[in-house]
All heavy atoms as atom14 arrays in JSON, in Angstrom:
{
  "sequence": "EVLFDENRVGRIVTYSHWESIKALNEYRCSEVFRDFWTVV",
  "atom14_mask": [
    [1, 1, 1, 1, 1, 1, 1, 1, 1, 0, 0, 0, 0, 0],
    [1, 1, 1, 1, 1, 1, 1, 0, 0, 0, 0, 0, 0, 0],
    [1, 1, 1, 1, 1, 1, 1, 1, 0, 0, 0, 0, 0, 0],
    [1, 1, 1, 1, 1, 1, 1, 1, 1, 1, 1, 0, 0, 0],
    [1, 1, 1, 1, 1, 1, 1, 1, 0, 0, 0, 0, 0, 0],
    [1, 1, 1, 1, 1, 1, 1, 1, 1, 0, 0, 0, 0, 0],
    [1, 1, 1, 1, 1, 1, 1, 1, 0, 0, 0, 0, 0, 0],
    [1, 1, 1, 1, 1, 1, 1, 1, 1, 1, 1, 0, 0, 0],
    [1, 1, 1, 1, 1, 1, 1, 0, 0, 0, 0, 0, 0, 0],
    [1, 1, 1, 1, 0, 0, 0, 0, 0, 0, 0, 0, 0, 0],
    [1, 1, 1, 1, 1, 1, 1, 1, 1, 1, 1, 0, 0, 0],
    [1, 1, 1, 1, 1, 1, 1, 1, 0, 0, 0, 0, 0, 0],
    [1, 1, 1, 1, 1, 1, 1, 0, 0, 0, 0, 0, 0, 0],
    [1, 1, 1, 1, 1, 1, 1, 0, 0, 0, 0, 0, 0, 0],
    [1, 1, 1, 1, 1, 1, 1, 1, 1, 1, 1, 1, 0, 0],
    [1, 1, 1, 1, 1, 1, 0, 0, 0, 0, 0, 0, 0, 0],
    [1, 1, 1, 1, 1, 1, 1, 1, 1, 1, 0, 0, 0, 0],
    [1, 1, 1, 1, 1, 1, 1, 1, 1, 1, 1, 1, 1, 1],
    [1, 1, 1, 1, 1, 1, 1, 1, 1, 0, 0, 0, 0, 0],
    [1, 1, 1, 1, 1, 1, 0, 0, 0, 0, 0, 0, 0, 0],
    [1, 1, 1, 1, 1, 1, 1, 1, 0, 0, 0, 0, 0, 0],
    [1, 1, 1, 1, 1, 1, 1, 1, 1, 0, 0, 0, 0, 0],
    [1, 1, 1, 1, 1, 0, 0, 0, 0, 0, 0, 0, 0, 0],
    [1, 1, 1, 1, 1, 1, 1, 1, 0, 0, 0, 0, 0, 0],
    [1, 1, 1, 1, 1, 1, 1, 1, 0, 0, 0, 0, 0, 0],
    [1, 1, 1, 1, 1, 1, 1, 1, 1, 0, 0, 0, 0, 0],
    [1, 1, 1, 1, 1, 1, 1, 1, 1, 1, 1, 1, 0, 0],
    [1, 1, 1, 1, 1, 1, 1, 1, 1, 1, 1, 0, 0, 0],
    [1, 1, 1, 1, 1, 1, 0, 0, 0, 0, 0, 0, 0, 0],
    [1, 1, 1, 1, 1, 1, 0, 0, 0, 0, 0, 0, 0, 0],
    [1, 1, 1, 1, 1, 1, 1, 1, 1, 0, 0, 0, 0, 0],
    [1, 1, 1, 1, 1, 1, 1, 0, 0, 0, 0, 0, 0, 0],
    [1, 1, 1, 1, 1, 1, 1, 1, 1, 1, 1, 0, 0, 0],
    [1, 1, 1, 1, 1, 1, 1, 1, 1, 1, 1, 0, 0, 0],
    [1, 1, 1, 1, 1, 1, 1, 1, 0, 0, 0, 0, 0, 0],
    [1, 1, 1, 1, 1, 1, 1, 1, 1, 1, 1, 0, 0, 0],
    [1, 1, 1, 1, 1, 1, 1, 1, 1, 1, 1, 1, 1, 1],
    [1, 1, 1, 1, 1, 1, 1, 0, 0, 0, 0, 0, 0, 0],
    [1, 1, 1, 1, 1, 1, 1, 0, 0, 0, 0, 0, 0, 0],
    [1, 1, 1, 1, 1, 1, 1, 0, 0, 0, 0, 0, 0, 0]
  ],
  "atom14_positions": [
    [[0.86, -1.19, 0.0], [0.0, 0.0, 0.0], [0.89, 1.23, 0.0], [1.95, 1.23, 0.61], [-0.86, 0.06, 1.26], [-1.96, -0.94, 1.34], [-2.76, -0.78, 2.63], [-3.38, 0.29, 2.81], [-2.73, -1.71, 3.43], [0.0, 0.0, 0.0], [0.0, 0.0, 0.0], [0.0, 0.0, 0.0], [0.0, 0.0, 0.0], [0.0, 0.0, 0.0]],
    [[0.42, 2.3, -0.64], [1.09, 3.59, -0.6], [0.09, 4.55, 0.03], [-1.02, 4.75, -0.5], [1.51, 4.07, -2.01], [2.18, 5.43, -1.93], [2.43, 3.04, -2.66], [0.0, 0.0, 0.0], [0.0, 0.0, 0.0], [0.0, 0.0, 0.0], [0.0, 0.0, 0.0], [0.0, 0.0, 0.0], [0.0, 0.0, 0.0], [0.0, 0.0, 0.0]],
    [[0.46, 5.12, 1.16], [-0.44, 5.97, 1.95], [0.04, 7.42, 1.91], [1.23, 7.68, 2.17], [-0.5, 5.46, 3.39], [-0.81, 3.97, 3.55], [-0.54, 3.52, 4.98], [-2.23, 3.69, 3.14], [0.0, 0.0, 0.0], [0.0, 0.0, 0.0], [0.0, 0.0, 0.0], [0.0, 0.0, 0.0], [0.0, 0.0, 0.0], [0.0, 0.0, 0.0]],
    [[-0.86, 8.33, 1.62], [-0.54, 9.75, 1.53], [-1.07, 10.46, 2.77], [-2.25, 10.35, 3.1], [-1.17, 10.36, 0.28], [-0.62, 9.77, -0.99], [-1.18, 8.62, -1.53], [0.46, 10.35, -1.62], [-0.67, 8.07, -2.69], [0.98, 9.79, -2.78], [0.41, 8.65, -3.32], [0.0, 0.0, 0.0], [0.0, 0.0, 0.0], [0.0, 0.0, 0.0]],
    [[-0.21, 11.2, 3.44], [-0.58, 11.91, 4.66], [-1.55, 13.05, 4.32], [-1.28, 13.87, 3.44], [0.68, 12.48, 5.33], [0.44, 12.99, 6.73], [-0.61, 13.61, 6.98], [1.32, 12.78, 7.57], [0.0, 0.0, 0.0], [0.0, 0.0, 0.0], [0.0, 0.0, 0.0], [0.0, 0.0, 0.0], [0.0, 0.0, 0.0], [0.0, 0.0, 0.0]],
    [[-2.66, 13.08, 5.01], [-3.68, 14.12, 4.79], [-3.27, 15.47, 5.37], [-3.82, 16.49, 5.0], [-5.0, 13.7, 5.43], [-5.73, 12.62, 4.67], [-6.29, 13.12, 3.35], [-6.78, 14.26, 3.28], [-6.22, 12.36, 2.37], [0.0, 0.0, 0.0], [0.0, 0.0, 0.0], [0.0, 0.0, 0.0], [0.0, 0.0, 0.0], [0.0, 0.0, 0.0]],
    [[-2.31, 15.48, 6.28], [-1.96, 16.71, 6.99], [-0.6, 17.29, 6.62], [-0.29, 18.39, 7.05], [-2.0, 16.46, 8.5], [-3.38, 16.07, 8.96], [-4.36, 16.74, 8.67], [-3.48, 14.94, 9.66], [0.0, 0.0, 0.0], [0.0, 0.0, 0.0], [0.0, 0.0, 0.0], [0.0, 0.0, 0.0], [0.0, 0.0, 0.0], [0.0, 0.0, 0.0]],
    [[0.19, 16.55, 5.87], [1.52, 17.05, 5.52], [1.81, 16.72, 4.06], [1.93, 15.56, 3.68], [2.58, 16.44, 6.42], [3.95, 16.96, 6.12], [4.8, 17.07, 7.34], [6.06, 17.66, 6.96], [7.16, 17.48, 7.64], [7.15, 16.76, 8.75], [8.27, 18.03, 7.26], [0.0, 0.0, 0.0], [0.0, 0.0, 0.0], [0.0, 0.0, 0.0]],
    [[1.94, 17.76, 3.26], [2.21, 17.6, 1.84], [3.56, 16.9, 1.66], [4.54, 17.25, 2.3], [2.23, 18.98, 1.14], [2.68, 18.85, -0.3], [0.87, 19.63, 1.24], [0.0, 0.0, 0.0], [0.0, 0.0, 0.0], [0.0, 0.0, 0.0], [0.0, 0.0, 0.0], [0.0, 0.0, 0.0], [0.0, 0.0, 0.0], [0.0, 0.0, 0.0]],
    [[3.57, 15.9, 0.78], [4.81, 15.22, 0.46], [5.17, 14.05, 1.36], [6.12, 13.34, 1.09], [0.0, 0.0, 0.0], [0.0, 0.0, 0.0], [0.0, 0.0, 0.0], [0.0, 0.0, 0.0], [0.0, 0.0, 0.0], [0.0, 0.0, 0.0], [0.0, 0.0, 0.0], [0.0, 0.0, 0.0], [0.0, 0.0, 0.0], [0.0, 0.0, 0.0]],
    [[4.41, 13.82, 2.43], [4.71, 12.69, 3.31], [3.95, 11.47, 2.81], [2.74, 11.5, 2.64], [4.33, 12.95, 4.75], [4.7, 11.72, 5.63], [4.37, 11.91, 7.07], [5.33, 12.85, 7.63], [5.14, 13.5, 8.78], [4.04, 13.32, 9.47], [6.05, 14.33, 9.22], [0.0, 0.0, 0.0], [0.0, 0.0, 0.0], [0.0, 0.0, 0.0]],
    [[4.7, 10.4, 2.58], [4.14, 9.16, 2.09], [4.68, 8.02, 2.95], [5.84, 8.03, 3.36], [4.53, 8.92, 0.62], [3.94, 10.02, -0.26], [4.08, 7.55, 0.14], [4.39, 9.96, -1.7], [0.0, 0.0, 0.0], [0.0, 0.0, 0.0], [0.0, 0.0, 0.0], [0.0, 0.0, 0.0], [0.0, 0.0, 0.0], [0.0, 0.0, 0.0]],
    [[3.82, 7.06, 3.22], [4.23, 5.86, 3.94], [3.91, 4.67, 3.04], [2.82, 4.57, 2.49], [3.49, 5.73, 5.29], [3.77, 4.39, 5.95], [3.88, 6.88, 6.21], [0.0, 0.0, 0.0], [0.0, 0.0, 0.0], [0.0, 0.0, 0.0], [0.0, 0.0, 0.0], [0.0, 0.0, 0.0], [0.0, 0.0, 0.0], [0.0, 0.0, 0.0]],
    [[4.88, 3.78, 2.89], [4.61, 2.53, 2.2], [4.48, 1.44, 3.26], [5.21, 1.43, 4.25], [5.7, 2.15, 1.18], [6.94, 1.95, 1.85], [5.84, 3.22, 0.11], [0.0, 0.0, 0.0], [0.0, 0.0, 0.0], [0.0, 0.0, 0.0], [0.0, 0.0, 0.0], [0.0, 0.0, 0.0], [0.0, 0.0, 0.0], [0.0, 0.0, 0.0]],
    [[3.54, 0.55, 3.03], [3.23, -0.52, 3.97], [3.16, -1.8, 3.15], [2.31, -1.93, 2.28], [1.88, -0.21, 4.64], [1.4, -1.23, 5.62], [1.93, -1.27, 6.91], [0.43, -2.15, 5.27], [1.48, -2.21, 7.82], [-0.02, -3.09, 6.17], [0.5, -3.12, 7.45], [0.07, -4.06, 8.35], [0.0, 0.0, 0.0], [0.0, 0.0, 0.0]],
    [[4.11, -2.69, 3.4], [4.16, -3.9, 2.59], [4.31, -5.15, 3.45], [4.83, -5.09, 4.57], [5.3, -3.83, 1.57], [6.55, -3.61, 2.2], [0.0, 0.0, 0.0], [0.0, 0.0, 0.0], [0.0, 0.0, 0.0], [0.0, 0.0, 0.0], [0.0, 0.0, 0.0], [0.0, 0.0, 0.0], [0.0, 0.0, 0.0], [0.0, 0.0, 0.0]],
    [[3.81, -6.26, 2.91], [3.93, -7.57, 3.56], [4.82, -8.43, 2.67], [4.64, -8.45, 1.45], [2.56, -8.25, 3.68], [1.62, -7.54, 4.58], [0.32, -7.97, 4.74], [1.75, -6.45, 5.36], [-0.3, -7.17, 5.59], [0.55, -6.24, 5.97], [0.0, 0.0, 0.0], [0.0, 0.0, 0.0], [0.0, 0.0, 0.0], [0.0, 0.0, 0.0]],
    [[5.71, -9.17, 3.31], [6.65, -10.04, 2.61], [6.6, -11.43, 3.21], [6.42, -11.58, 4.42], [8.06, -9.46, 2.7], [8.16, -8.14, 2.0], [7.83, -6.92, 2.5], [8.55, -7.93, 0.65], [8.0, -5.94, 1.55], [8.44, -6.54, 0.4], [8.97, -8.77, -0.37], [8.75, -5.99, -0.83], [9.29, -8.22, -1.6], [9.18, -6.84, -1.82]],
    [[6.8, -12.43, 2.37], [6.79, -13.81, 2.85], [7.87, -14.06, 3.89], [7.67, -14.82, 4.83], [6.99, -14.79, 1.68], [5.8, -14.87, 0.77], [6.06, -15.79, -0.42], [7.18, -16.33, -0.56], [5.12, -15.95, -1.22], [0.0, 0.0, 0.0], [0.0, 0.0, 0.0], [0.0, 0.0, 0.0], [0.0, 0.0, 0.0], [0.0, 0.0, 0.0]],
    [[9.02, -13.41, 3.7], [10.16, -13.65, 4.6], [11.13, -12.48, 4.51], [11.07, -11.67, 3.58], [10.89, -14.93, 4.2], [11.47, -14.77, 2.91], [0.0, 0.0, 0.0], [0.0, 0.0, 0.0], [0.0, 0.0, 0.0], [0.0, 0.0, 0.0], [0.0, 0.0, 0.0], [0.0, 0.0, 0.0], [0.0, 0.0, 0.0], [0.0, 0.0, 0.0]],
    [[12.03, -12.43, 5.48], [13.08, -11.41, 5.44], [13.98, -11.64, 4.23], [14.48, -10.7, 3.62], [13.87, -11.37, 6.77], [14.74, -10.11, 6.84], [14.7, -12.59, 6.97], [13.98, -8.85, 7.04], [0.0, 0.0, 0.0], [0.0, 0.0, 0.0], [0.0, 0.0, 0.0], [0.0, 0.0, 0.0], [0.0, 0.0, 0.0], [0.0, 0.0, 0.0]],
    [[14.15, -12.91, 3.85], [14.96, -13.24, 2.68], [14.35, -12.61, 1.42], [15.07, -12.02, 0.61], [15.07, -14.76, 2.52], [15.92, -15.18, 1.36], [16.01, -16.7, 1.26], [16.93, -17.06, 0.12], [16.37, -17.98, -0.81], [0.0, 0.0, 0.0], [0.0, 0.0, 0.0], [0.0, 0.0, 0.0], [0.0, 0.0, 0.0], [0.0, 0.0, 0.0]],
    [[13.04, -12.74, 1.25], [12.37, -12.16, 0.08], [12.52, -10.64, 0.07], [12.79, -10.04, -0.98], [10.9, -12.55, 0.07], [0.0, 0.0, 0.0], [0.0, 0.0, 0.0], [0.0, 0.0, 0.0], [0.0, 0.0, 0.0], [0.0, 0.0, 0.0], [0.0, 0.0, 0.0], [0.0, 0.0, 0.0], [0.0, 0.0, 0.0], [0.0, 0.0, 0.0]],
    [[12.33, -10.01, 1.23], [12.49, -8.56, 1.33], [13.91, -8.15, 0.96], [14.13, -7.22, 0.18], [12.14, -8.07, 2.73], [12.44, -6.6, 3.02], [11.67, -5.67, 2.1], [12.16, -6.29, 4.49], [0.0, 0.0, 0.0], [0.0, 0.0, 0.0], [0.0, 0.0, 0.0], [0.0, 0.0, 0.0], [0.0, 0.0, 0.0], [0.0, 0.0, 0.0]],
    [[14.9, -8.84, 1.51], [16.29, -8.49, 1.24], [16.68, -8.73, -0.22], [17.47, -7.96, -0.78], [17.23, -9.24, 2.19], [17.16, -8.67, 3.59], [16.82, -7.51, 3.79], [17.48, -9.49, 4.56], [0.0, 0.0, 0.0], [0.0, 0.0, 0.0], [0.0, 0.0, 0.0], [0.0, 0.0, 0.0], [0.0, 0.0, 0.0], [0.0, 0.0, 0.0]],
    [[16.11, -9.76, -0.83], [16.38, -9.98, -2.25], [15.83, -8.82, -3.08], [16.48, -8.36, -4.02], [15.8, -11.31, -2.71], [16.6, -12.49, -2.21], [15.98, -13.84, -2.52], [14.86, -13.89, -3.09], [16.6, -14.85, -2.17], [0.0, 0.0, 0.0], [0.0, 0.0, 0.0], [0.0, 0.0, 0.0], [0.0, 0.0, 0.0], [0.0, 0.0, 0.0]],
    [[14.66, -8.33, -2.72], [14.12, -7.14, -3.4], [15.03, -5.94, -3.15], [15.37, -5.21, -4.08], [12.7, -6.85, -2.92], [12.27, -5.46, -3.28], [12.03, -5.11, -4.61], [12.15, -4.47, -2.31], [11.68, -3.81, -4.96], [11.79, -3.17, -2.65], [11.56, -2.86, -3.96], [11.23, -1.57, -4.31], [0.0, 0.0, 0.0], [0.0, 0.0, 0.0]],
    [[15.45, -5.73, -1.9], [16.27, -4.57, -1.56], [17.64, -4.59, -2.24], [18.27, -3.55, -2.37], [16.41, -4.46, -0.05], [15.06, -4.11, 0.61], [15.15, -4.04, 2.1], [15.96, -2.89, 2.47], [16.77, -2.85, 3.52], [16.88, -3.89, 4.32], [17.46, -1.78, 3.79], [0.0, 0.0, 0.0], [0.0, 0.0, 0.0], [0.0, 0.0, 0.0]],
    [[18.08, -5.76, -2.69], [19.36, -5.89, -3.4], [19.18, -5.94, -4.92], [20.15, -6.13, -5.65], [20.09, -7.15, -2.93], [20.67, -7.05, -1.23], [0.0, 0.0, 0.0], [0.0, 0.0, 0.0], [0.0, 0.0, 0.0], [0.0, 0.0, 0.0], [0.0, 0.0, 0.0], [0.0, 0.0, 0.0], [0.0, 0.0, 0.0], [0.0, 0.0, 0.0]],
    [[17.95, -5.73, -5.36], [17.65, -5.9, -6.79], [17.88, -4.63, -7.6], [17.95, -3.51, -7.05], [16.19, -6.33, -6.96], [15.32, -5.24, -6.69], [0.0, 0.0, 0.0], [0.0, 0.0, 0.0], [0.0, 0.0, 0.0], [0.0, 0.0, 0.0], [0.0, 0.0, 0.0], [0.0, 0.0, 0.0], [0.0, 0.0, 0.0], [0.0, 0.0, 0.0]],
    [[17.95, -4.81, -8.9], [18.06, -3.68, -9.81], [16.78, -2.83, -9.77], [16.83, -1.61, -9.91], [18.31, -4.19, -11.23], [18.63, -3.09, -12.21], [19.04, -3.63, -13.56], [19.67, -4.7, -13.62], [18.72, -2.96, -14.55], [0.0, 0.0, 0.0], [0.0, 0.0, 0.0], [0.0, 0.0, 0.0], [0.0, 0.0, 0.0], [0.0, 0.0, 0.0]],
    [[15.63, -3.47, -9.58], [14.36, -2.74, -9.47], [14.44, -1.73, -8.32], [14.07, -0.56, -8.48], [13.18, -3.72, -9.27], [11.9, -2.99, -8.89], [12.97, -4.57, -10.51], [0.0, 0.0, 0.0], [0.0, 0.0, 0.0], [0.0, 0.0, 0.0], [0.0, 0.0, 0.0], [0.0, 0.0, 0.0], [0.0, 0.0, 0.0], [0.0, 0.0, 0.0]],
    [[14.93, -2.18, -7.18], [15.05, -1.29, -6.01], [16.07, -0.19, -6.28], [15.81, 0.99, -6.0], [15.46, -2.11, -4.78], [15.58, -1.3, -3.52], [14.46, -0.97, -2.79], [16.82, -0.89, -3.07], [14.57, -0.23, -1.61], [16.94, -0.16, -1.9], [15.82, 0.17, -1.18], [0.0, 0.0, 0.0], [0.0, 0.0, 0.0], [0.0, 0.0, 0.0]],
    [[17.22, -0.54, -6.84], [18.25, 0.47, -7.13], [17.74, 1.51, -8.11], [17.98, 2.71, -7.93], [19.51, -0.2, -7.67], [20.36, -0.84, -6.59], [21.71, -1.27, -7.12], [21.63, -2.26, -8.19], [21.48, -3.56, -8.0], [21.39, -4.05, -6.79], [21.41, -4.39, -9.03], [0.0, 0.0, 0.0], [0.0, 0.0, 0.0], [0.0, 0.0, 0.0]],
    [[17.04, 1.08, -9.15], [16.49, 2.02, -10.12], [15.5, 2.98, -9.46], [15.51, 4.18, -9.72], [15.81, 1.29, -11.27], [16.78, 0.57, -12.17], [18.01, 0.81, -12.07], [16.32, -0.25, -12.99], [0.0, 0.0, 0.0], [0.0, 0.0, 0.0], [0.0, 0.0, 0.0], [0.0, 0.0, 0.0], [0.0, 0.0, 0.0], [0.0, 0.0, 0.0]],
    [[14.65, 2.42, -8.62], [13.66, 3.23, -7.91], [14.36, 4.3, -7.06], [14.03, 5.48, -7.15], [12.79, 2.33, -7.02], [11.99, 3.08, -6.02], [10.86, 3.79, -6.39], [12.36, 3.1, -4.68], [10.12, 4.49, -5.46], [11.62, 3.79, -3.75], [10.5, 4.49, -4.14], [0.0, 0.0, 0.0], [0.0, 0.0, 0.0], [0.0, 0.0, 0.0]],
    [[15.33, 3.9, -6.25], [16.0, 4.86, -5.36], [16.82, 5.88, -6.12], [16.92, 7.03, -5.69], [16.84, 4.14, -4.31], [15.97, 3.74, -3.17], [15.62, 2.48, -2.82], [15.3, 4.6, -2.25], [14.77, 2.51, -1.74], [14.56, 3.8, -1.37], [15.24, 5.99, -2.1], [13.78, 4.32, -0.35], [14.46, 6.51, -1.08], [13.74, 5.68, -0.22]],
    [[17.39, 5.51, -7.24], [18.14, 6.46, -8.05], [17.26, 7.6, -8.51], [17.67, 8.76, -8.52], [18.75, 5.74, -9.28], [19.64, 4.73, -8.81], [19.51, 6.7, -10.17], [0.0, 0.0, 0.0], [0.0, 0.0, 0.0], [0.0, 0.0, 0.0], [0.0, 0.0, 0.0], [0.0, 0.0, 0.0], [0.0, 0.0, 0.0], [0.0, 0.0, 0.0]],
    [[16.01, 7.29, -8.84], [15.07, 8.31, -9.32], [14.47, 9.09, -8.16], [14.36, 10.32, -8.21], [13.95, 7.65, -10.16], [12.86, 8.65, -10.49], [14.54, 7.06, -11.43], [0.0, 0.0, 0.0], [0.0, 0.0, 0.0], [0.0, 0.0, 0.0], [0.0, 0.0, 0.0], [0.0, 0.0, 0.0], [0.0, 0.0, 0.0], [0.0, 0.0, 0.0]],
    [[14.08, 8.41, -7.08], [13.31, 9.05, -6.01], [14.18, 9.8, -5.0], [13.78, 10.85, -4.49], [12.43, 7.99, -5.3], [11.78, 8.55, -4.06], [11.36, 7.49, -6.26], [0.0, 0.0, 0.0], [0.0, 0.0, 0.0], [0.0, 0.0, 0.0], [0.0, 0.0, 0.0], [0.0, 0.0, 0.0], [0.0, 0.0, 0.0], [0.0, 0.0, 0.0]]
  ]
}
């Protein structure tokens, strides 16, 4: 989920569920994650 703060412009919270810490870490080490952070 991507949640937008109603009281503060530009504040966003992401809320995600992962099968395991391994799955989360594999995503965090991925090119998809790196590309996202390079832009954002």
